[in-house]
Amino acid sequence: GKERLLPICRDLAMRALGVSSQSGTTDECVAHLVDVEQRGLALSFEAFLGFLLSCEKDGEWEKSVDFLFYVVEKDLSKGWLVDGSSLQIPHTDTTEEIASLGRPTRQDLMDALEITMRTCNASGKFGVSLLCAQRFALMPGMEIQLEESSGPSAKLSQIFQSLSALSHSPIDFLATICTTLVAS
């Protein structure tokens, strides 16, 4: 079997996979993420972006959307997603060690959203891209202002926003809307 990488090596590998010219790197990034989850390790924000960039290169819009919302909905206060600029990825998951590292900023998360939206748009999934932005805007602390509308479309927009906030992922939300529209 494959040897487990030290956390810093795994993190650097994910960063490199995202910016490499090689295609087909998403599956390797997924394998590294499984290791992160199983071992309860921290992940740098740069490695997170590396994963999203791998998805963009490979046209893996579903994995990009799923991972973006997995990350932003996971409790970031636990310190598992950290600033990797100093290359200090903890070897353990002790609170003291992780608490000393920085957390992603709102702008960092907006950058991740941008990559995910580009991935969706490049795959022709324009609606999913917009739903990602809308759902992201409804998350606590994101404070993205959605354009207010009036008239008949305002009610429909409110319904979409509430359904989006209740769905587990934007893809589930889109499937619900499509099923509802086809049934009507």
Protein backbone atom coordinates (compact mmCIF):
# COMPACT_ATOMS: atom_id res chain seq x y z
CA GLY A 1 0.00 0.00 0.00
CA LYS A 2 0.81 3.63 -0.14
CA GLU A 3 2.71 5.16 2.77
CA ARG A 4 1.04 7.97 4.67
CA LEU A 5 2.59 11.35 4.09
CA LEU A 6 3.60 13.69 6.85
CA PRO A 7 0.95 16.40 7.16
CA ILE A 8 3.18 19.10 5.67
CA CYS A 9 4.15 16.90 2.70
CA ARG A 10 0.53 16.01 2.04
CA ASP A 11 -0.41 19.66 2.22
CA LEU A 12 2.34 20.72 -0.20
CA ALA A 13 1.37 17.90 -2.57
CA MET A 14 -2.22 19.17 -2.73
CA ARG A 15 -1.00 22.69 -3.44
CA ALA A 16 1.27 21.41 -6.22
CA LEU A 17 -1.46 19.22 -7.75
CA GLY A 18 -3.70 22.24 -8.07
CA VAL A 19 -1.22 24.37 -9.98
CA SER A 20 0.46 21.66 -12.03
CA SER A 21 -0.16 21.42 -15.75
CA GLN A 22 -0.98 17.72 -15.36
CA SER A 23 -4.64 16.78 -15.69
CA GLY A 24 -6.41 14.07 -13.71
CA THR A 25 -5.12 15.23 -10.32
CA THR A 26 -8.49 15.49 -8.57
CA ASP A 27 -8.59 11.82 -7.52
CA GLU A 28 -5.18 12.11 -5.87
CA CYS A 29 -6.39 15.21 -4.00
CA VAL A 30 -9.47 13.27 -2.87
CA ALA A 31 -7.21 10.51 -1.51
CA HIS A 32 -5.25 13.10 0.48
CA LEU A 33 -8.49 14.56 1.85
CA VAL A 34 -9.66 11.15 2.98
CA ASP A 35 -6.37 10.84 4.88
CA VAL A 36 -6.94 14.27 6.47
CA GLU A 37 -10.42 13.25 7.63
CA GLN A 38 -9.41 9.80 8.88
CA ARG A 39 -6.46 11.13 10.86
CA GLY A 40 -8.22 14.27 12.10
CA LEU A 41 -5.47 16.53 10.79
CA ALA A 42 -5.49 20.19 9.86
CA LEU A 43 -5.49 21.27 6.22
CA SER A 44 -4.06 24.53 4.96
CA PHE A 45 -6.30 26.88 3.10
CA GLU A 46 -3.80 26.77 0.24
CA ALA A 47 -4.22 22.98 0.00
CA PHE A 48 -7.99 23.52 -0.05
CA LEU A 49 -7.52 25.90 -3.00
CA GLY A 50 -5.24 23.30 -4.60
CA PHE A 51 -8.08 20.80 -4.46
CA LEU A 52 -10.49 23.30 -6.04
CA LEU A 53 -7.96 24.17 -8.76
CA SER A 54 -7.53 20.44 -9.52
CA CYS A 55 -11.29 20.18 -9.90
CA GLU A 56 -11.26 23.19 -12.23
CA LYS A 57 -8.52 21.66 -14.43
CA ASP A 58 -10.32 18.31 -14.58
CA GLY A 59 -13.82 19.75 -15.10
CA GLU A 60 -14.98 18.12 -11.84
CA TRP A 61 -17.65 20.71 -11.03
CA GLU A 62 -19.64 18.39 -8.74
CA LYS A 63 -16.64 17.59 -6.55
CA SER A 64 -15.73 21.28 -6.45
CA VAL A 65 -19.23 22.32 -5.34
CA ASP A 66 -19.53 19.51 -2.81
CA PHE A 67 -16.13 20.21 -1.27
CA LEU A 68 -16.61 23.98 -1.14
CA PHE A 69 -19.82 23.60 0.86
CA TYR A 70 -18.42 20.78 2.96
CA VAL A 71 -15.64 23.14 4.03
CA VAL A 72 -17.69 26.28 4.60
CA GLU A 73 -20.38 24.39 6.51
CA LYS A 74 -17.90 22.53 8.71
CA ASP A 75 -17.14 24.26 11.97
CA LEU A 76 -14.17 26.49 11.11
CA SER A 77 -13.80 27.50 14.75
CA LYS A 78 -12.34 24.04 15.44
CA GLY A 79 -9.19 25.12 13.59
CA TRP A 80 -8.93 22.26 11.12
CA LEU A 81 -8.59 24.66 8.15
CA VAL A 82 -5.61 26.89 8.77
CA ASP A 83 -3.42 29.52 7.13
CA GLY A 84 -0.56 27.59 5.55
CA SER A 85 1.61 30.57 4.63
CA SER A 86 4.05 29.76 7.43
CA LEU A 87 4.05 26.03 6.56
CA GLN A 88 3.17 25.08 10.13
CA ILE A 89 0.63 22.34 9.62
CA PRO A 90 0.21 20.63 13.01
CA HIS A 91 1.25 17.00 13.46
CA THR A 92 -1.55 16.50 15.97
CA ASP A 93 -5.05 17.79 16.42
CA THR A 94 -4.43 19.31 19.85
CA THR A 95 -6.43 22.46 20.40
CA GLU A 96 -3.44 24.48 21.62
CA GLU A 97 -1.32 23.72 18.57
CA ILE A 98 -4.12 24.37 16.08
CA ALA A 99 -5.40 27.49 17.87
CA SER A 100 -2.04 29.20 17.30
CA LEU A 101 -2.53 29.07 13.52
CA GLY A 102 -4.56 31.54 11.47
CA ARG A 103 -8.01 30.87 10.05
CA PRO A 104 -9.23 31.58 6.52
CA THR A 105 -10.64 35.06 6.09
CA ARG A 106 -13.90 35.97 4.43
CA GLN A 107 -11.88 37.00 1.34
CA ASP A 108 -10.14 33.59 1.31
CA LEU A 109 -13.53 31.89 1.24
CA MET A 110 -14.68 34.26 -1.51
CA ASP A 111 -11.63 33.21 -3.56
CA ALA A 112 -12.67 29.57 -3.09
CA LEU A 113 -16.19 30.45 -4.24
CA GLU A 114 -14.76 32.15 -7.33
CA ILE A 115 -12.79 29.04 -8.32
CA THR A 116 -15.87 26.85 -7.81
CA MET A 117 -18.03 29.18 -9.90
CA ARG A 118 -15.41 29.22 -12.69
CA THR A 119 -15.38 25.40 -12.63
CA CYS A 120 -19.17 25.27 -12.93
CA ASN A 121 -19.25 27.89 -15.70
CA ALA A 122 -16.51 26.12 -17.69
CA SER A 123 -18.62 22.94 -17.51
CA GLY A 124 -21.72 24.78 -18.73
CA LYS A 125 -23.38 24.58 -15.31
CA PHE A 126 -24.26 28.27 -15.12
CA GLY A 127 -27.29 27.75 -12.89
CA VAL A 128 -25.28 25.73 -10.38
CA SER A 129 -22.68 28.49 -10.37
CA LEU A 130 -25.32 31.08 -9.50
CA LEU A 131 -26.84 28.81 -6.86
CA CYS A 132 -23.42 28.43 -5.25
CA ALA A 133 -23.10 32.22 -4.99
CA GLN A 134 -26.61 32.55 -3.62
CA ARG A 135 -26.22 29.76 -1.08
CA PHE A 136 -22.83 31.12 -0.05
CA ALA A 137 -24.41 34.54 0.49
CA LEU A 138 -26.93 33.04 2.91
CA MET A 139 -24.29 31.50 5.14
CA PRO A 140 -23.59 33.12 8.51
CA GLY A 141 -20.79 35.66 8.35
CA MET A 142 -20.62 35.90 4.58
CA GLU A 143 -22.65 39.13 4.31
CA ILE A 144 -22.95 39.14 0.53
CA GLN A 145 -25.85 41.37 -0.40
CA LEU A 146 -28.29 39.78 -2.79
CA GLU A 147 -30.08 42.13 -5.12
CA GLU A 148 -33.59 42.87 -3.91
CA SER A 149 -36.32 42.58 -6.50
CA SER A 150 -39.97 43.50 -6.53
CA GLY A 151 -42.99 42.25 -8.38
CA PRO A 152 -43.92 38.66 -9.21
CA SER A 153 -40.30 37.49 -9.37
CA ALA A 154 -39.62 38.69 -5.80
CA LYS A 155 -41.73 35.92 -4.27
CA LEU A 156 -40.11 33.30 -6.48
CA SER A 157 -36.67 34.61 -5.50
CA GLN A 158 -37.57 34.35 -1.81
CA ILE A 159 -38.76 30.76 -2.29
CA PHE A 160 -35.52 29.83 -4.09
CA GLN A 161 -33.46 31.47 -1.34
CA SER A 162 -35.26 29.59 1.42
CA LEU A 163 -35.02 26.28 -0.44
CA SER A 164 -31.34 26.93 -1.08
CA ALA A 165 -30.67 27.53 2.61
CA LEU A 166 -32.41 24.26 3.54
CA SER A 167 -30.76 22.01 0.95
CA HIS A 168 -27.71 19.95 1.89
CA SER A 169 -25.86 20.93 -1.28
CA PRO A 170 -26.51 23.19 -4.25
CA ILE A 171 -26.73 20.11 -6.46
CA ASP A 172 -29.54 18.69 -4.27
CA PHE A 173 -31.25 22.08 -4.45
CA LEU A 174 -31.04 22.17 -8.25
CA ALA A 175 -32.40 18.61 -8.47
CA THR A 176 -35.33 19.56 -6.20
CA ILE A 177 -36.16 22.62 -8.31
CA CYS A 178 -35.94 20.66 -11.59
CA THR A 179 -38.10 17.84 -10.22
CA THR A 180 -40.66 20.36 -8.99
CA LEU A 181 -40.75 22.20 -12.32
CA VAL A 182 -41.12 18.98 -14.33
CA ALA A 183 -43.92 17.78 -12.04
CA SER A 184 -45.89 21.03 -12.44
